[in-house]
Amino acid sequence: MISAILVATLFTGCSKDDGSNKNCDSCQRQGKKLEICKKENGTYTLTHDGESETITESQLEGFTPKEFVEILCATEQLVF
């Protein structure tokens, strides 16, 4: 049972990005990094599999960026 929990965490775990940009949250979705980063102008860049999209805070629908990226990692399809 512990092994199953560890495997699930590896595939859906989110974390604060350890790179130079401290304003990012990311997780692994289908083996690829899904990342949301806050930009200086108050918008966010959502990146997955080489594609990116700019979204506004209102598009987060009341969720924090971390919550938003966790929800996206748990869904089957992205809107990209």
N, C-alpha and C. Protein backbone atom coordinates (compact mmCIF):
# COMPACT_ATOMS: atom_id res chain seq x y z
N MET A 1 0.83 -1.19 0.00
CA MET A 1 0.00 0.00 0.00
C MET A 1 0.87 1.25 0.00
N ILE A 2 1.95 1.25 0.76
CA ILE A 2 2.85 2.40 0.79
C ILE A 2 3.46 2.63 -0.58
N SER A 3 3.80 1.56 -1.29
CA SER A 3 4.35 1.69 -2.64
C SER A 3 3.37 2.38 -3.57
N ALA A 4 2.10 2.03 -3.46
CA ALA A 4 1.07 2.64 -4.30
C ALA A 4 0.96 4.13 -4.02
N ILE A 5 1.05 4.51 -2.77
CA ILE A 5 0.98 5.92 -2.40
C ILE A 5 2.18 6.67 -2.96
N LEU A 6 3.37 6.08 -2.85
CA LEU A 6 4.57 6.72 -3.38
C LEU A 6 4.51 6.89 -4.89
N VAL A 7 4.03 5.87 -5.58
CA VAL A 7 3.90 5.96 -7.04
C VAL A 7 2.91 7.05 -7.41
N ALA A 8 1.78 7.11 -6.73
CA ALA A 8 0.78 8.14 -7.01
C ALA A 8 1.35 9.53 -6.77
N THR A 9 2.14 9.68 -5.72
CA THR A 9 2.76 10.98 -5.42
C THR A 9 3.74 11.38 -6.51
N LEU A 10 4.49 10.44 -7.03
CA LEU A 10 5.45 10.75 -8.09
C LEU A 10 4.76 11.24 -9.35
N PHE A 11 3.60 10.70 -9.66
CA PHE A 11 2.92 11.08 -10.88
C PHE A 11 2.05 12.33 -10.73
N THR A 12 1.66 12.69 -9.52
CA THR A 12 0.77 13.83 -9.35
C THR A 12 1.31 14.86 -8.38
N GLY A 13 2.48 14.67 -7.84
CA GLY A 13 3.03 15.58 -6.85
C GLY A 13 3.34 16.94 -7.43
N CYS A 14 3.02 17.96 -6.70
CA CYS A 14 3.33 19.33 -7.10
C CYS A 14 4.37 19.88 -6.16
N SER A 15 5.11 20.83 -6.67
CA SER A 15 6.15 21.40 -5.83
C SER A 15 6.44 22.83 -6.24
N LYS A 16 7.06 23.54 -5.34
CA LYS A 16 7.54 24.86 -5.66
C LYS A 16 8.75 24.68 -6.55
N ASP A 17 8.83 25.42 -7.64
CA ASP A 17 9.94 25.30 -8.57
C ASP A 17 11.24 25.67 -7.87
N ASP A 18 12.27 24.84 -8.00
CA ASP A 18 13.55 25.11 -7.34
C ASP A 18 14.49 25.94 -8.21
N GLY A 19 14.05 26.33 -9.39
CA GLY A 19 14.90 27.11 -10.28
C GLY A 19 15.02 28.54 -9.80
N SER A 20 15.49 29.39 -10.69
CA SER A 20 15.73 30.79 -10.33
C SER A 20 14.43 31.57 -10.12
N ASN A 21 13.33 31.11 -10.68
CA ASN A 21 12.06 31.81 -10.53
C ASN A 21 11.29 31.20 -9.37
N LYS A 22 11.19 31.93 -8.28
CA LYS A 22 10.50 31.43 -7.08
C LYS A 22 8.99 31.62 -7.18
N ASN A 23 8.49 32.20 -8.25
CA ASN A 23 7.07 32.45 -8.41
C ASN A 23 6.39 31.39 -9.27
N CYS A 24 6.91 30.15 -9.24
CA CYS A 24 6.34 29.08 -10.05
C CYS A 24 5.92 27.91 -9.18
N ASP A 25 4.87 27.23 -9.62
CA ASP A 25 4.44 25.96 -9.04
C ASP A 25 4.33 24.99 -10.20
N SER A 26 4.68 23.74 -9.94
CA SER A 26 4.65 22.77 -11.03
C SER A 26 4.28 21.38 -10.51
N CYS A 27 3.96 20.50 -11.45
CA CYS A 27 3.71 19.10 -11.16
C CYS A 27 3.97 18.31 -12.43
N GLN A 28 3.96 17.01 -12.31
CA GLN A 28 4.14 16.13 -13.46
C GLN A 28 2.77 15.65 -13.93
N ARG A 29 2.51 15.85 -15.20
CA ARG A 29 1.25 15.41 -15.79
C ARG A 29 1.58 14.57 -17.01
N GLN A 30 1.21 13.32 -16.96
CA GLN A 30 1.48 12.37 -18.05
C GLN A 30 2.97 12.37 -18.40
N GLY A 31 3.81 12.42 -17.37
CA GLY A 31 5.25 12.36 -17.55
C GLY A 31 5.91 13.64 -18.01
N LYS A 32 5.15 14.72 -18.10
CA LYS A 32 5.70 16.01 -18.54
C LYS A 32 5.38 17.08 -17.51
N LYS A 33 6.26 18.04 -17.38
CA LYS A 33 6.11 19.10 -16.39
C LYS A 33 5.00 20.08 -16.80
N LEU A 34 4.11 20.34 -15.88
CA LEU A 34 3.08 21.37 -16.04
C LEU A 34 3.43 22.45 -15.03
N GLU A 35 3.59 23.67 -15.49
CA GLU A 35 4.08 24.74 -14.62
C GLU A 35 3.26 26.01 -14.79
N ILE A 36 3.03 26.70 -13.68
CA ILE A 36 2.39 28.01 -13.71
C ILE A 36 3.33 28.98 -13.01
N CYS A 37 3.61 30.10 -13.67
CA CYS A 37 4.54 31.10 -13.13
C CYS A 37 3.87 32.47 -13.14
N LYS A 38 4.01 33.17 -12.03
CA LYS A 38 3.46 34.52 -11.94
C LYS A 38 4.45 35.49 -12.58
N LYS A 39 3.93 36.35 -13.46
CA LYS A 39 4.74 37.36 -14.12
C LYS A 39 4.61 38.68 -13.36
N GLU A 40 5.53 39.58 -13.61
CA GLU A 40 5.54 40.87 -12.90
C GLU A 40 4.30 41.70 -13.16
N ASN A 41 3.64 41.51 -14.30
CA ASN A 41 2.47 42.32 -14.62
C ASN A 41 1.17 41.77 -14.03
N GLY A 42 1.27 40.74 -13.17
CA GLY A 42 0.09 40.20 -12.50
C GLY A 42 -0.60 39.07 -13.25
N THR A 43 -0.10 38.72 -14.43
CA THR A 43 -0.65 37.58 -15.15
C THR A 43 0.21 36.35 -14.86
N TYR A 44 -0.22 35.22 -15.39
CA TYR A 44 0.49 33.95 -15.18
C TYR A 44 0.78 33.30 -16.52
N THR A 45 1.89 32.59 -16.60
CA THR A 45 2.20 31.78 -17.77
C THR A 45 2.03 30.32 -17.38
N LEU A 46 1.18 29.62 -18.11
CA LEU A 46 0.93 28.21 -17.90
C LEU A 46 1.63 27.46 -19.03
N THR A 47 2.55 26.54 -18.67
CA THR A 47 3.36 25.84 -19.66
C THR A 47 3.24 24.34 -19.48
N HIS A 48 3.05 23.63 -20.62
CA HIS A 48 3.00 22.16 -20.61
C HIS A 48 3.40 21.65 -21.99
N ASP A 49 4.35 20.73 -22.01
CA ASP A 49 4.75 20.05 -23.24
C ASP A 49 5.13 21.02 -24.35
N GLY A 50 5.88 22.07 -24.01
CA GLY A 50 6.37 23.02 -25.00
C GLY A 50 5.38 24.08 -25.43
N GLU A 51 4.17 24.03 -24.92
CA GLU A 51 3.17 25.05 -25.24
C GLU A 51 2.93 25.91 -24.01
N SER A 52 2.69 27.20 -24.23
CA SER A 52 2.40 28.07 -23.10
C SER A 52 1.24 28.99 -23.43
N GLU A 53 0.61 29.44 -22.37
CA GLU A 53 -0.56 30.30 -22.48
C GLU A 53 -0.52 31.31 -21.34
N THR A 54 -0.86 32.55 -21.62
CA THR A 54 -0.96 33.56 -20.57
C THR A 54 -2.37 33.57 -20.04
N ILE A 55 -2.49 33.52 -18.71
CA ILE A 55 -3.81 33.57 -18.08
C ILE A 55 -3.82 34.67 -17.03
N THR A 56 -5.00 35.15 -16.73
CA THR A 56 -5.15 36.21 -15.74
C THR A 56 -5.52 35.60 -14.39
N GLU A 57 -5.44 36.40 -13.36
CA GLU A 57 -5.80 35.92 -12.02
C GLU A 57 -7.27 35.51 -11.97
N SER A 58 -8.13 36.22 -12.70
CA SER A 58 -9.55 35.85 -12.70
C SER A 58 -9.78 34.47 -13.33
N GLN A 59 -8.91 34.05 -14.23
CA GLN A 59 -9.03 32.73 -14.84
C GLN A 59 -8.66 31.61 -13.87
N LEU A 60 -8.01 31.95 -12.75
CA LEU A 60 -7.71 30.96 -11.72
C LEU A 60 -8.97 30.59 -10.95
N GLU A 61 -10.04 31.35 -11.14
CA GLU A 61 -11.35 31.09 -10.56
C GLU A 61 -11.32 30.96 -9.04
N GLY A 62 -10.52 31.82 -8.39
CA GLY A 62 -10.47 31.83 -6.93
C GLY A 62 -9.47 30.87 -6.32
N PHE A 63 -8.83 30.03 -7.14
CA PHE A 63 -7.82 29.10 -6.63
C PHE A 63 -6.46 29.78 -6.59
N THR A 64 -5.60 29.31 -5.71
CA THR A 64 -4.21 29.77 -5.73
C THR A 64 -3.54 29.14 -6.95
N PRO A 65 -2.41 29.70 -7.40
CA PRO A 65 -1.71 29.06 -8.53
C PRO A 65 -1.36 27.60 -8.24
N LYS A 66 -0.95 27.29 -7.02
CA LYS A 66 -0.62 25.91 -6.67
C LYS A 66 -1.84 25.01 -6.78
N GLU A 67 -2.98 25.46 -6.24
CA GLU A 67 -4.21 24.67 -6.33
C GLU A 67 -4.63 24.48 -7.79
N PHE A 68 -4.50 25.55 -8.57
CA PHE A 68 -4.89 25.51 -9.98
C PHE A 68 -4.08 24.48 -10.75
N VAL A 69 -2.75 24.47 -10.55
CA VAL A 69 -1.91 23.52 -11.26
C VAL A 69 -2.16 22.09 -10.77
N GLU A 70 -2.45 21.92 -9.49
CA GLU A 70 -2.79 20.59 -8.97
C GLU A 70 -4.06 20.06 -9.61
N ILE A 71 -5.06 20.92 -9.78
CA ILE A 71 -6.31 20.52 -10.42
C ILE A 71 -6.05 20.12 -11.87
N LEU A 72 -5.25 20.91 -12.58
CA LEU A 72 -4.94 20.59 -13.97
C LEU A 72 -4.19 19.26 -14.09
N CYS A 73 -3.30 18.99 -13.16
CA CYS A 73 -2.56 17.74 -13.20
C CYS A 73 -3.46 16.54 -12.93
N ALA A 74 -4.55 16.76 -12.25
CA ALA A 74 -5.47 15.67 -11.94
C ALA A 74 -6.51 15.44 -13.03
N THR A 75 -6.61 16.34 -14.01
CA THR A 75 -7.61 16.20 -15.07
C THR A 75 -7.05 15.44 -16.26
N GLU A 76 -7.94 14.93 -17.07
CA GLU A 76 -7.56 14.15 -18.25
C GLU A 76 -7.11 15.03 -19.41
N GLN A 77 -7.78 16.16 -19.61
CA GLN A 77 -7.50 16.99 -20.78
C GLN A 77 -7.15 18.42 -20.35
N LEU A 78 -6.24 19.02 -21.11
CA LEU A 78 -5.94 20.44 -20.93
C LEU A 78 -6.64 21.22 -22.03
N VAL A 79 -6.82 22.49 -21.80
CA VAL A 79 -7.52 23.34 -22.75
C VAL A 79 -6.58 23.88 -23.83
N PHE A 80 -5.28 23.69 -23.70
CA PHE A 80 -4.31 24.21 -24.69
C PHE A 80 -4.75 23.87 -26.08
